[in-house]
């Protein structure tokens, strides 16, 4: 049986906003039945934030999706799920549709897959408002602008009319949060709500969720692998492993004295600024750079004065996404590219991979200029480059098995066939901790973190000379993230590939990068060695980024939040 919280005050709270009792969920797949959730019980009360943590595939998202009736037809559900005293499992699809977005809403893990590509983001927000309120089109549009401003989307009056593909990953996530909070629901299920967000916007979103909890008494189910976010926002924590609840405790008790061995291992794997740097194996000789800001080895990638502009809407000037960026990465070196969402990080990565043509500037890979090359001349160079996309749900072919997705680069470049191909695929899937049989499943049958691991295996299958990793660990739980990052370092030392590591997670960048470049509005704000940037930043923007990183300690996090509030009040004469 799953453990229950030892809270003697629950009797005085009235009825829970959401209660799950002895829930079990089994999926029918082509590879056989998969038991995703087994005898899970927990509840969340009005005005409470309940965090659900655990490894990818532990059943966190599945158990919560049951509360909104979003499991596929292949799911067999046993147990009871009640929302405000109403039995969800007994409701018809029509009754569930009336609840979704109104009484209960969900922030999905992968906004690129959840948003409709055929409609503007403003239309999609207004659609929710008009479905659950008596607002006119004009009122819904004005409210949509207000919501986008609340979640920190720049220029909301104009971006209201953008389509999802015109926004960055973090901006799409902000739109998803705006949709979820539009009708001020009684229960918000937030599935990795800050995964694609930079630390400053993450802090703003957490404050927004905290305000909803306080102002209208929303109950929040927070599904996350970010223990800093748990420490900052949660009241209680449920720890899940292999479909079962292994521990339930208040947030202070869990971080101070975790009782279950798995919880202790999970907390030990959490990265934090100034923590242990991932080192190469002791039997491998690694030559450090001459100085903290020097380029290591022969240059593999050289980018000079890169400019990328996108045409503006009718009557509006062009938007400059990248503004005169130059960088160099040496053999076996990792350059961390950090900055807020929309700062141009992913656009630079796409230019390096020749997936985006720059407006001007130069991109040289292994001494060869790649800008302007035809697809035929680019093909042999692409064999030497691996790319881990930010959103694995849209980068893996849904009609191919995971094994075929990973094998595809080997087939396209005629690098292996037959048993050698199958062995190579299995070797990479083992390295990224995907169990036997995963190669026969389809991407939609995997969790978000498992899909990201498959995407990483695909990028490494050809032993590239340079790897462009766009948020490669954003969807991974901390224990698997630690393993994958160690794999990064081990393979990088073994094969010597250079890495452009794009991330908003400064703690991960601190573990991995040799040098760091900070971007803001498409331009370089600061660049240098890892310690110089993260421990002794010279620019105010960088200092703000570092200060916004949540720490996996609820007591320290509350102290920092209080200090920030007092500073704000002092600055504003409060």
Protein backbone atom coordinates (compact mmCIF):
# COMPACT_ATOMS: atom_id res chain seq x y z
CA UNK A 1 0.00 0.00 0.00
CA UNK A 2 1.14 3.56 -0.66
CA UNK A 3 2.02 5.72 2.29
CA UNK A 4 -0.25 8.57 3.37
CA UNK A 5 0.75 11.86 4.87
CA UNK A 6 0.67 12.01 8.66
CA UNK A 7 -1.21 15.30 8.86
CA UNK A 8 -3.60 15.59 11.80
CA UNK A 9 -5.05 18.87 10.51
CA UNK A 10 -6.69 17.35 7.42
CA UNK A 11 -9.86 16.59 9.37
CA UNK A 12 -10.52 20.32 9.77
CA UNK A 13 -9.89 21.19 6.10
CA UNK A 14 -13.20 19.93 4.77
CA UNK A 15 -13.24 18.18 1.42
CA UNK A 16 -10.08 17.76 -0.68
CA UNK A 17 -10.04 19.57 -4.03
CA UNK A 18 -8.65 16.42 -5.67
CA UNK A 19 -8.47 12.92 -4.21
CA UNK A 20 -6.98 9.80 -5.78
CA UNK A 21 -7.65 6.49 -4.04
CA UNK A 22 -6.06 3.13 -4.91
CA UNK A 23 -5.54 4.15 -8.54
CA UNK A 24 -4.05 1.64 -10.99
CA UNK A 25 -3.57 2.28 -14.72
CA UNK A 26 -2.50 -0.29 -17.31
CA UNK A 27 -1.79 0.51 -20.98
CA UNK A 28 -2.18 -1.93 -23.85
CA UNK A 29 0.80 -1.47 -26.23
CA UNK A 30 2.18 -3.33 -29.23
CA UNK A 31 4.94 -4.64 -26.96
CA UNK A 32 2.42 -5.91 -24.37
CA UNK A 33 0.59 -4.55 -21.32
CA UNK A 34 2.42 -1.84 -19.36
CA UNK A 35 1.45 -1.18 -15.72
CA UNK A 36 2.10 2.56 -15.37
CA UNK A 37 0.41 3.20 -11.99
CA UNK A 38 -0.15 0.72 -9.17
CA UNK A 39 -2.35 1.35 -6.07
CA UNK A 40 -1.57 5.08 -5.83
CA UNK A 41 -3.38 7.24 -3.27
CA UNK A 42 -2.97 10.93 -2.45
CA UNK A 43 -5.06 14.09 -2.06
CA UNK A 44 -4.55 17.82 -2.46
CA UNK A 45 -6.52 20.41 -0.52
CA UNK A 46 -7.76 23.89 -1.52
CA UNK A 47 -4.91 26.39 -1.27
CA UNK A 48 -2.25 23.65 -1.14
CA UNK A 49 0.61 22.85 -3.50
CA UNK A 50 1.32 19.13 -3.72
CA UNK A 51 4.50 18.23 -5.61
CA UNK A 52 4.80 14.81 -7.24
CA UNK A 53 8.40 13.83 -7.95
CA UNK A 54 10.16 10.76 -9.23
CA UNK A 55 11.98 9.37 -12.23
CA UNK A 56 10.66 9.68 -15.74
CA UNK A 57 8.16 6.86 -16.30
CA UNK A 58 7.32 6.56 -12.59
CA UNK A 59 3.64 7.32 -13.22
CA UNK A 60 3.60 10.99 -12.13
CA UNK A 61 1.86 12.36 -15.22
CA UNK A 62 -0.39 9.34 -15.78
CA UNK A 63 -1.90 9.47 -12.29
CA UNK A 64 -2.64 13.18 -12.63
CA UNK A 65 -3.97 13.00 -16.20
CA UNK A 66 -6.63 10.64 -14.89
CA UNK A 67 -8.04 13.60 -12.95
CA UNK A 68 -8.77 15.44 -16.18
CA UNK A 69 -9.89 12.42 -18.19
CA UNK A 70 -7.07 12.62 -20.72
CA UNK A 71 -5.88 9.02 -20.84
CA UNK A 72 -6.07 7.25 -24.23
CA UNK A 73 -8.55 4.49 -25.04
CA UNK A 74 -5.77 1.93 -24.52
CA UNK A 75 -5.72 2.72 -20.77
CA UNK A 76 -7.52 0.48 -18.26
CA UNK A 77 -8.24 2.38 -15.04
CA UNK A 78 -9.05 0.94 -11.60
CA UNK A 79 -9.65 2.94 -8.43
CA UNK A 80 -11.35 6.24 -7.64
CA UNK A 81 -10.53 9.81 -8.69
CA UNK A 82 -12.74 12.59 -7.29
CA UNK A 83 -12.68 16.32 -8.02
CA UNK A 84 -14.45 18.42 -5.41
CA UNK A 85 -16.34 15.32 -4.28
CA UNK A 86 -17.41 14.35 -7.84
CA UNK A 87 -16.31 10.99 -9.22
CA UNK A 88 -14.23 11.73 -12.35
CA UNK A 89 -13.90 8.09 -13.37
CA UNK A 90 -17.70 7.79 -13.73
CA UNK A 91 -18.13 10.92 -15.90
CA UNK A 92 -18.98 10.94 -19.58
CA UNK A 93 -16.75 12.66 -22.14
CA UNK A 94 -19.26 15.53 -22.37
CA UNK A 95 -19.16 16.09 -18.60
CA UNK A 96 -15.34 16.00 -18.61
CA UNK A 97 -15.20 18.54 -21.45
CA UNK A 98 -17.29 20.95 -19.36
CA UNK A 99 -14.81 20.60 -16.47
CA UNK A 100 -11.57 20.97 -18.44
CA UNK A 101 -10.22 24.50 -18.45
CA UNK A 102 -12.91 25.62 -16.00
CA UNK A 103 -12.90 23.74 -12.69
CA UNK A 104 -9.64 21.93 -13.50
CA UNK A 105 -6.87 22.79 -15.95
CA UNK A 106 -3.53 21.37 -16.96
CA UNK A 107 -0.18 22.80 -18.00
CA UNK A 108 1.23 20.19 -20.36
CA UNK A 109 4.84 19.07 -20.36
CA UNK A 110 5.42 19.64 -24.10
CA UNK A 111 3.79 22.90 -25.26
CA UNK A 112 4.92 22.35 -28.85
CA UNK A 113 2.69 19.28 -29.05
CA UNK A 114 -0.17 20.68 -26.93
CA UNK A 115 -0.74 23.94 -28.84
CA UNK A 116 -2.67 23.78 -32.13
CA UNK A 117 -0.33 24.88 -34.97
CA UNK A 118 -3.27 26.06 -37.11
CA UNK A 119 -4.48 28.79 -34.73
CA UNK A 120 -2.87 31.86 -33.19
CA UNK A 121 -2.03 31.72 -29.50
CA UNK A 122 -4.52 34.52 -28.84
CA UNK A 123 -7.31 32.53 -30.43
CA UNK A 124 -6.46 29.50 -28.32
CA UNK A 125 -6.58 31.51 -25.07
CA UNK A 126 -9.81 33.24 -26.08
CA UNK A 127 -11.35 29.87 -26.98
CA UNK A 128 -11.00 28.71 -23.37
CA UNK A 129 -12.41 31.97 -22.00
CA UNK A 130 -15.46 31.94 -24.28
CA UNK A 131 -16.13 28.25 -23.56
CA UNK A 132 -16.37 28.79 -19.79
CA UNK A 133 -17.52 32.43 -19.44
CA UNK A 134 -19.99 34.86 -21.04
CA UNK A 135 -17.20 37.04 -22.51
CA UNK A 136 -17.56 38.59 -25.96
CA UNK A 137 -14.81 38.19 -28.56
CA UNK A 138 -13.50 41.66 -27.74
CA UNK A 139 -13.47 41.00 -23.99
CA UNK A 140 -11.79 37.60 -24.46
CA UNK A 141 -9.08 39.15 -26.63
CA UNK A 142 -8.40 41.88 -24.04
CA UNK A 143 -8.24 39.26 -21.28
CA UNK A 144 -5.86 37.15 -23.41
CA UNK A 145 -3.48 40.11 -23.72
CA UNK A 146 -3.67 40.60 -19.94
CA UNK A 147 -2.91 36.92 -19.31
CA UNK A 148 0.09 36.93 -21.67
CA UNK A 149 1.40 40.01 -19.87
CA UNK A 150 0.93 38.22 -16.51
CA UNK A 151 3.08 35.26 -17.64
CA UNK A 152 5.83 37.55 -18.92
CA UNK A 153 5.49 37.18 -22.70
CA UNK A 154 7.21 40.19 -24.34
CA UNK A 155 5.05 42.49 -26.50
CA UNK A 156 1.78 40.62 -25.79
CA UNK A 157 -0.39 42.98 -27.87
CA UNK A 158 1.37 41.83 -31.04
CA UNK A 159 2.41 38.28 -30.10
CA UNK A 160 -1.23 37.52 -29.41
CA UNK A 161 -1.53 37.05 -33.19
CA UNK A 162 1.55 34.80 -33.47
CA UNK A 163 1.26 31.13 -34.33
CA UNK A 164 3.01 28.63 -31.99
CA UNK A 165 5.91 28.04 -34.44
CA UNK A 166 6.79 31.75 -34.23
CA UNK A 167 7.56 31.49 -30.50
CA UNK A 168 10.50 29.95 -28.67
CA UNK A 169 10.05 26.87 -26.46
CA UNK A 170 9.92 28.95 -23.28
CA UNK A 171 7.44 31.40 -24.82
CA UNK A 172 5.15 28.53 -25.86
CA UNK A 173 5.26 27.25 -22.27
CA UNK A 174 4.17 30.68 -21.03
CA UNK A 175 1.21 30.56 -23.43
CA UNK A 176 0.25 27.13 -22.01
CA UNK A 177 0.32 28.56 -18.49
CA UNK A 178 -1.83 31.51 -19.59
CA UNK A 179 -4.41 29.06 -21.00
CA UNK A 180 -4.35 27.00 -17.79
CA UNK A 181 -4.96 29.97 -15.44
CA UNK A 182 -7.39 31.81 -17.74
CA UNK A 183 -10.56 30.81 -15.85
CA UNK A 184 -8.89 30.70 -12.41
CA UNK A 185 -9.63 26.98 -11.88
CA UNK A 186 -10.00 25.30 -8.50
CA UNK A 187 -7.39 22.67 -9.42
CA UNK A 188 -4.34 23.28 -11.59
CA UNK A 189 -2.31 20.26 -12.68
CA UNK A 190 1.09 21.61 -13.68
CA UNK A 191 3.12 18.95 -15.52
CA UNK A 192 6.71 20.27 -15.62
CA UNK A 193 5.43 23.89 -15.90
CA UNK A 194 8.91 25.45 -15.79
CA UNK A 195 10.87 22.88 -17.83
CA UNK A 196 11.35 25.16 -20.86
CA UNK A 197 11.62 28.42 -18.90
CA UNK A 198 14.71 30.39 -18.03
CA UNK A 199 15.33 31.02 -14.33
CA UNK A 200 14.05 34.61 -14.24
CA UNK A 201 10.73 33.77 -15.92
CA UNK A 202 10.54 30.60 -13.81
CA UNK A 203 10.68 32.76 -10.68
CA UNK A 204 7.88 34.96 -12.05
CA UNK A 205 5.70 31.94 -12.94
CA UNK A 206 6.20 30.39 -9.49
CA UNK A 207 5.14 33.70 -7.93
CA UNK A 208 2.07 33.73 -10.20
CA UNK A 209 1.08 30.20 -9.13
CA UNK A 210 1.70 31.16 -5.50
CA UNK A 211 -0.61 34.17 -5.95
CA UNK A 212 -3.38 32.00 -7.46
CA UNK A 213 -3.08 29.62 -4.53
CA UNK A 214 -3.41 32.51 -2.07
CA UNK A 215 -5.98 34.67 -3.89
CA UNK A 216 -8.56 32.12 -5.08
CA UNK A 217 -7.54 29.05 -3.10
CA UNK A 218 -6.49 26.99 -6.13
CA UNK A 219 -5.11 23.55 -5.35
CA UNK A 220 -1.98 22.91 -7.39
CA UNK A 221 -0.57 19.52 -8.32
CA UNK A 222 3.02 20.20 -9.33
CA UNK A 223 4.65 17.42 -11.35
CA UNK A 224 8.34 18.16 -11.68
CA UNK A 225 11.88 16.82 -11.54
CA UNK A 226 13.26 20.22 -10.49
CA UNK A 227 13.80 19.93 -6.74
CA UNK A 228 14.61 23.65 -6.51
CA UNK A 229 11.10 24.40 -7.75
CA UNK A 230 9.70 21.89 -5.24
CA UNK A 231 11.58 23.61 -2.41
CA UNK A 232 10.32 27.02 -3.56
CA UNK A 233 6.62 26.26 -4.06
CA UNK A 234 5.42 22.98 -2.55
CA UNK A 235 3.72 22.38 0.80
CA UNK A 236 3.82 18.57 0.63
CA UNK A 237 5.68 16.11 -1.58
CA UNK A 238 4.72 12.69 -2.95
CA UNK A 239 7.65 10.60 -4.19
CA UNK A 240 6.85 7.99 -6.85
CA UNK A 241 8.92 5.15 -8.26
CA UNK A 242 7.91 2.47 -10.78
CA UNK A 243 4.24 3.43 -10.55
CA UNK A 244 4.02 3.40 -6.73
CA UNK A 245 4.16 6.01 -3.95
CA UNK A 246 7.27 5.35 -1.83
CA UNK A 247 7.14 8.38 0.48
CA UNK A 248 4.83 11.28 1.38
CA UNK A 249 5.94 14.13 3.64
CA UNK A 250 5.87 17.88 4.17
CA UNK A 251 8.43 19.69 2.04
CA UNK A 252 10.57 20.65 5.06
CA UNK A 253 10.61 17.10 6.43
CA UNK A 254 11.39 15.54 3.06
CA UNK A 255 14.44 17.72 2.40
CA UNK A 256 15.67 17.61 6.02
CA UNK A 257 15.13 13.90 6.76
CA UNK A 258 14.12 11.79 3.76
CA UNK A 259 13.08 8.35 5.00
CA UNK A 260 13.14 6.21 1.84
CA UNK A 261 16.45 5.21 0.26
CA UNK A 262 15.18 6.24 -3.18
CA UNK A 263 14.27 9.74 -1.93
CA UNK A 264 17.76 10.15 -0.47
CA UNK A 265 19.31 9.10 -3.80
CA UNK A 266 17.03 11.51 -5.67
CA UNK A 267 18.04 14.46 -3.49
CA UNK A 268 21.73 13.53 -3.71
CA UNK A 269 21.55 13.74 -7.52
CA UNK A 270 20.14 17.30 -7.59
CA UNK A 271 22.57 19.70 -9.34
CA UNK A 272 23.16 23.09 -7.77
CA UNK A 273 25.42 26.05 -8.46
CA UNK A 274 28.85 25.50 -6.97
CA UNK A 275 28.24 21.77 -6.65
CA UNK A 276 30.38 18.87 -7.83
CA UNK A 277 31.63 19.27 -11.38
CA UNK A 278 31.35 16.17 -13.54
CA UNK A 279 34.88 14.91 -14.16
CA UNK A 280 36.29 12.66 -16.83
CA UNK A 281 37.18 9.05 -15.88
CA UNK A 282 40.41 8.85 -13.89
CA UNK A 283 42.13 6.65 -16.48
CA UNK A 284 41.64 9.26 -19.22
CA UNK A 285 44.20 12.00 -19.72
CA UNK A 286 42.51 15.36 -20.27
CA UNK A 287 44.48 18.44 -21.24
CA UNK A 288 42.89 21.55 -19.69
CA UNK A 289 42.72 24.83 -21.61
CA UNK A 290 45.59 27.27 -21.19
CA UNK A 291 43.31 29.63 -19.25
CA UNK A 292 39.72 29.72 -18.05
CA UNK A 293 38.61 31.63 -21.14
CA UNK A 294 40.88 30.01 -23.75
CA UNK A 295 39.66 27.73 -26.53
CA UNK A 296 40.77 24.12 -26.02
CA UNK A 297 42.43 22.26 -28.90
CA UNK A 298 41.91 22.85 -32.60
CA UNK A 299 38.79 24.89 -33.47
CA UNK A 300 35.92 22.64 -34.56
CA UNK A 301 33.32 25.39 -34.84
CA UNK A 302 33.89 29.05 -35.65
CA UNK A 303 30.99 31.51 -35.81
CA UNK A 304 31.73 35.13 -36.78
CA UNK A 305 29.40 38.15 -36.72
CA UNK A 306 26.27 36.00 -37.02
CA UNK A 307 23.06 37.92 -37.72
CA UNK A 308 19.60 36.38 -38.12
CA UNK A 309 16.58 38.51 -38.98
CA UNK A 310 13.00 37.38 -39.45
CA UNK A 311 10.61 39.47 -41.57
CA UNK A 312 8.06 41.43 -39.58
CA UNK A 313 4.33 41.44 -40.12
CA UNK A 314 2.80 43.83 -42.62
CA UNK A 315 4.00 47.33 -41.85
CA UNK A 316 6.37 46.21 -39.07
CA UNK A 317 10.18 46.13 -39.21
CA UNK A 318 12.17 42.89 -39.32
CA UNK A 319 12.86 41.16 -36.00
CA UNK A 320 16.56 40.63 -35.26
CA UNK A 321 16.82 37.34 -33.34
CA UNK A 322 20.65 37.13 -33.38
CA UNK A 323 22.76 40.28 -33.42
CA UNK A 324 26.46 39.96 -34.33
CA UNK A 325 27.35 36.85 -32.30
CA UNK A 326 30.84 35.33 -32.58
CA UNK A 327 32.06 32.15 -30.87
CA UNK A 328 34.66 29.40 -31.20
CA UNK A 329 34.60 25.86 -29.80
CA UNK A 330 37.67 23.61 -29.71
CA UNK A 331 38.00 19.85 -29.93
CA UNK A 332 36.66 18.14 -26.82
CA UNK A 333 35.36 21.41 -25.38
CA UNK A 334 31.87 22.40 -24.20
CA UNK A 335 30.60 25.95 -24.58
CA UNK A 336 27.48 26.71 -22.54
CA UNK A 337 25.06 29.13 -24.22
CA UNK A 338 22.69 30.64 -21.64
CA UNK A 339 20.14 33.42 -21.50
CA UNK A 340 16.44 34.04 -21.17
CA UNK A 341 13.87 32.47 -23.45
CA UNK A 342 13.84 34.28 -26.80
CA UNK A 343 17.45 35.48 -26.43
CA UNK A 344 18.51 33.69 -29.63
CA UNK A 345 20.13 30.56 -28.17
CA UNK A 346 18.21 27.99 -30.23
CA UNK A 347 18.44 30.12 -33.39
CA UNK A 348 22.25 30.08 -33.12
CA UNK A 349 22.17 26.30 -32.66
CA UNK A 350 20.00 25.89 -35.76
CA UNK A 351 22.40 28.04 -37.80
CA UNK A 352 25.32 25.85 -36.68
CA UNK A 353 23.39 22.77 -37.82
CA UNK A 354 22.51 24.48 -41.14
CA UNK A 355 18.80 24.23 -40.26
CA UNK A 356 18.47 28.02 -40.38
CA UNK A 357 20.12 30.34 -42.93
CA UNK A 358 21.68 33.42 -41.33
CA UNK A 359 21.05 36.89 -42.73
CA UNK A 360 24.79 37.56 -42.59
CA UNK A 361 27.94 36.27 -40.93
CA UNK A 362 30.00 33.12 -41.14
CA UNK A 363 29.68 29.58 -39.75
CA UNK A 364 32.71 27.32 -40.27
CA UNK A 365 32.72 23.69 -39.21
CA UNK A 366 36.06 21.85 -39.27
CA UNK A 367 37.46 24.70 -41.34
CA UNK A 368 34.73 24.60 -44.00
CA UNK A 369 32.21 27.38 -44.52
CA UNK A 370 28.69 25.91 -44.36
CA UNK A 371 26.50 28.97 -44.90
CA UNK A 372 25.05 28.98 -48.38
CA UNK A 373 25.94 25.35 -49.17
CA UNK A 374 23.41 23.30 -51.10
CA UNK A 375 21.67 20.34 -49.43
CA UNK A 376 23.79 17.92 -51.49
CA UNK A 377 27.07 19.48 -50.31
CA UNK A 378 25.81 19.72 -46.71
CA UNK A 379 24.95 16.04 -46.48
CA UNK A 380 28.47 14.67 -45.76
CA UNK A 381 29.02 17.44 -43.18
CA UNK A 382 25.76 16.60 -41.40
CA UNK A 383 27.14 13.14 -40.69
CA UNK A 384 29.72 14.85 -38.50
CA UNK A 385 27.14 16.81 -36.50
CA UNK A 386 24.61 15.62 -33.93
CA UNK A 387 21.61 17.66 -32.78
CA UNK A 388 19.47 17.14 -29.68
CA UNK A 389 16.25 19.10 -30.18
CA UNK A 390 14.48 20.94 -27.37
CA UNK A 391 11.13 19.23 -27.96
CA UNK A 392 11.47 15.44 -28.46
CA UNK A 393 7.71 15.05 -29.00
CA UNK A 394 7.94 16.84 -32.34
CA UNK A 395 11.47 15.78 -33.38
CA UNK A 396 10.90 12.00 -33.32
CA UNK A 397 8.85 10.51 -36.18
CA UNK A 398 5.58 9.27 -34.62
CA UNK A 399 5.19 6.60 -37.34
CA UNK A 400 8.53 4.96 -36.60
CA UNK A 401 9.53 2.85 -33.62
CA UNK A 402 12.11 4.27 -31.23
CA UNK A 403 14.68 1.80 -32.57
CA UNK A 404 14.05 2.94 -36.15
CA UNK A 405 14.29 6.61 -35.11
CA UNK A 406 17.70 6.03 -33.53
CA UNK A 407 18.89 3.87 -36.46
CA UNK A 408 17.77 6.32 -39.16
CA UNK A 409 21.03 8.38 -39.28
CA UNK A 410 23.02 5.13 -39.67
CA UNK A 411 20.81 4.07 -42.57
CA UNK A 412 20.75 7.48 -44.28
CA UNK A 413 24.54 7.80 -44.19
CA UNK A 414 25.09 4.06 -44.89
CA UNK A 415 27.21 3.73 -41.74
CA UNK A 416 25.90 0.33 -40.62
CA UNK A 417 23.39 -2.35 -41.49
CA UNK A 418 22.10 -5.69 -40.27
CA UNK A 419 23.31 -6.94 -36.91
CA UNK A 420 25.92 -4.17 -36.57
CA UNK A 421 23.16 -1.56 -36.87
CA UNK A 422 20.96 -3.29 -34.30
CA UNK A 423 23.90 -3.65 -31.90
CA UNK A 424 24.77 0.03 -32.22
CA UNK A 425 21.18 1.08 -31.52
CA UNK A 426 20.93 -1.19 -28.47
CA UNK A 427 24.30 0.08 -27.17
CA UNK A 428 23.12 3.72 -27.31
CA UNK A 429 19.75 2.94 -25.75
CA UNK A 430 21.55 1.16 -22.91
CA UNK A 431 23.80 4.19 -22.44
CA UNK A 432 20.82 6.52 -22.02
CA UNK A 433 19.12 4.04 -19.66
CA UNK A 434 16.21 2.93 -21.84
CA UNK A 435 15.32 -0.69 -21.04
CA UNK A 436 15.26 -3.62 -23.45
CA UNK A 437 12.12 -3.58 -25.56
CA UNK A 438 12.03 0.21 -25.86
CA UNK A 439 13.27 -0.04 -29.45
CA UNK A 440 9.99 -1.77 -30.37
CA UNK A 441 7.76 0.95 -28.90
CA UNK A 442 6.59 4.17 -30.55
CA UNK A 443 7.49 7.67 -29.27
CA UNK A 444 3.94 8.35 -27.98
CA UNK A 445 4.25 5.26 -25.76
CA UNK A 446 7.17 6.81 -23.84
CA UNK A 447 7.16 9.50 -21.17
CA UNK A 448 8.60 12.94 -21.96
CA UNK A 449 11.91 12.12 -20.28
CA UNK A 450 12.19 8.79 -22.07
CA UNK A 451 11.59 10.51 -25.43
CA UNK A 452 14.37 12.98 -24.64
CA UNK A 453 16.74 10.09 -23.91
CA UNK A 454 15.84 8.48 -27.25
CA UNK A 455 16.52 11.81 -28.96
CA UNK A 456 19.94 11.96 -27.29
CA UNK A 457 20.77 8.41 -28.44
CA UNK A 458 19.84 9.35 -32.01
CA UNK A 459 22.13 12.41 -31.90
CA UNK A 460 25.12 10.34 -30.70
CA UNK A 461 24.64 7.28 -32.92
CA UNK A 462 27.13 8.48 -35.60
CA UNK A 463 29.86 9.59 -33.12
CA UNK A 464 29.70 13.24 -34.30
CA UNK A 465 32.57 15.74 -34.29
CA UNK A 466 30.29 18.40 -32.86
CA UNK A 467 27.10 18.06 -30.86
CA UNK A 468 24.52 20.85 -30.67
CA UNK A 469 22.47 20.11 -27.55
CA UNK A 470 19.38 22.33 -27.24
CA UNK A 471 18.07 21.83 -23.69
CA UNK A 472 19.06 18.12 -23.79
CA UNK A 473 18.30 17.43 -20.12
CA UNK A 474 15.29 19.70 -19.59
CA UNK A 475 12.82 16.79 -19.59
CA UNK A 476 14.96 14.42 -17.52
CA UNK A 477 14.54 13.66 -13.84
CA UNK A 478 17.56 14.49 -11.69
CA UNK A 479 18.86 10.94 -11.25
CA UNK A 480 18.77 10.14 -14.97
CA UNK A 481 20.02 13.65 -15.74
CA UNK A 482 23.10 13.02 -13.61
CA UNK A 483 23.72 9.72 -15.42
CA UNK A 484 23.21 11.28 -18.86
CA UNK A 485 25.55 14.18 -18.06
CA UNK A 486 28.22 11.73 -16.91
CA UNK A 487 27.67 9.88 -20.19
CA UNK A 488 28.14 13.19 -22.01
CA UNK A 489 31.51 13.73 -20.38
CA UNK A 490 32.63 10.13 -20.82
CA UNK A 491 31.77 10.03 -24.53
CA UNK A 492 33.19 13.48 -25.11
CA UNK A 493 36.53 12.44 -23.61
CA UNK A 494 36.49 9.15 -25.53
CA UNK A 495 35.59 10.58 -28.95
CA UNK A 496 36.69 14.21 -28.55
CA UNK A 497 33.61 15.90 -30.01
CA UNK A 498 32.98 19.57 -29.35
CA UNK A 499 29.65 20.59 -27.82
CA UNK A 500 27.48 23.68 -28.04
CA UNK A 501 25.33 23.19 -24.92
CA UNK A 502 22.23 25.39 -24.98
CA UNK A 503 20.43 25.56 -21.65
CA UNK A 504 18.56 27.75 -19.19
CA UNK A 505 19.60 25.48 -16.29
CA UNK A 506 22.67 27.21 -14.90
CA UNK A 507 23.34 24.41 -12.40
CA UNK A 508 23.65 21.89 -15.25
CA UNK A 509 25.83 24.28 -17.26
CA UNK A 510 28.02 24.70 -14.18
CA UNK A 511 28.57 20.93 -14.06
CA UNK A 512 29.40 20.53 -17.72
CA UNK A 513 30.69 23.62 -19.51
CA UNK A 514 34.29 24.77 -19.88
CA UNK A 515 33.27 28.26 -20.98
CA UNK A 516 29.95 30.14 -20.87
CA UNK A 517 28.42 32.77 -23.15
CA UNK A 518 25.46 34.83 -21.87
CA UNK A 519 22.91 36.13 -24.41
CA UNK A 520 20.23 38.80 -24.09
CA UNK A 521 17.99 39.94 -26.96
CA UNK A 522 20.20 38.17 -29.48
CA UNK A 523 23.48 39.82 -28.42
CA UNK A 524 26.36 38.61 -26.24
CA UNK A 525 26.24 40.22 -22.79
CA UNK A 526 29.18 38.43 -21.19
CA UNK A 527 31.51 35.53 -22.03
CA UNK A 528 34.33 33.76 -20.24
CA UNK A 529 35.35 30.81 -18.10
CA UNK A 530 32.71 28.94 -16.09
CA UNK A 531 33.87 30.21 -12.70
CA UNK A 532 34.20 33.80 -13.94
CA UNK A 533 30.64 33.93 -15.26
CA UNK A 534 28.80 32.03 -12.51
CA UNK A 535 30.86 33.04 -9.46
CA UNK A 536 32.08 36.52 -10.43
CA UNK A 537 29.74 37.98 -13.09
CA UNK A 538 30.47 41.56 -14.10
CA UNK A 539 27.15 42.42 -15.77
CA UNK A 540 23.91 43.09 -13.92
CA UNK A 541 21.94 40.85 -16.30
CA UNK A 542 24.18 37.86 -15.51
CA UNK A 543 23.97 38.56 -11.77
CA UNK A 544 20.16 38.57 -12.05
CA UNK A 545 20.20 35.23 -13.85
CA UNK A 546 22.42 33.62 -11.21
CA UNK A 547 20.37 35.07 -8.33
CA UNK A 548 17.12 33.66 -9.76
CA UNK A 549 18.31 30.02 -9.64
CA UNK A 550 16.22 28.19 -6.99
CA UNK A 551 18.14 26.14 -4.45
CA UNK A 552 17.01 22.65 -3.34
CA UNK A 553 16.46 23.77 0.26
CA UNK A 554 12.99 25.04 1.32
CA UNK A 555 14.30 26.96 4.35
CA UNK A 556 16.98 28.77 2.33
CA UNK A 557 14.53 29.37 -0.51
CA UNK A 558 12.04 31.06 1.83
CA UNK A 559 14.84 33.20 3.26
CA UNK A 560 15.90 34.30 -0.22
CA UNK A 561 12.32 35.08 -1.23
CA UNK A 562 11.77 37.18 1.91
CA UNK A 563 15.03 39.06 1.33
CA UNK A 564 14.06 39.76 -2.28
CA UNK A 565 10.61 41.03 -1.22
CA UNK A 566 12.16 43.31 1.43
CA UNK A 567 14.66 44.66 -1.10
CA UNK A 568 11.84 45.31 -3.57
CA UNK A 569 9.80 47.12 -0.90
CA UNK A 570 12.83 49.25 0.09
CA UNK A 571 13.55 50.14 -3.55
CA UNK A 572 9.92 51.24 -3.99
CA UNK A 573 9.61 53.11 -0.73
CA UNK A 574 7.52 50.37 0.92
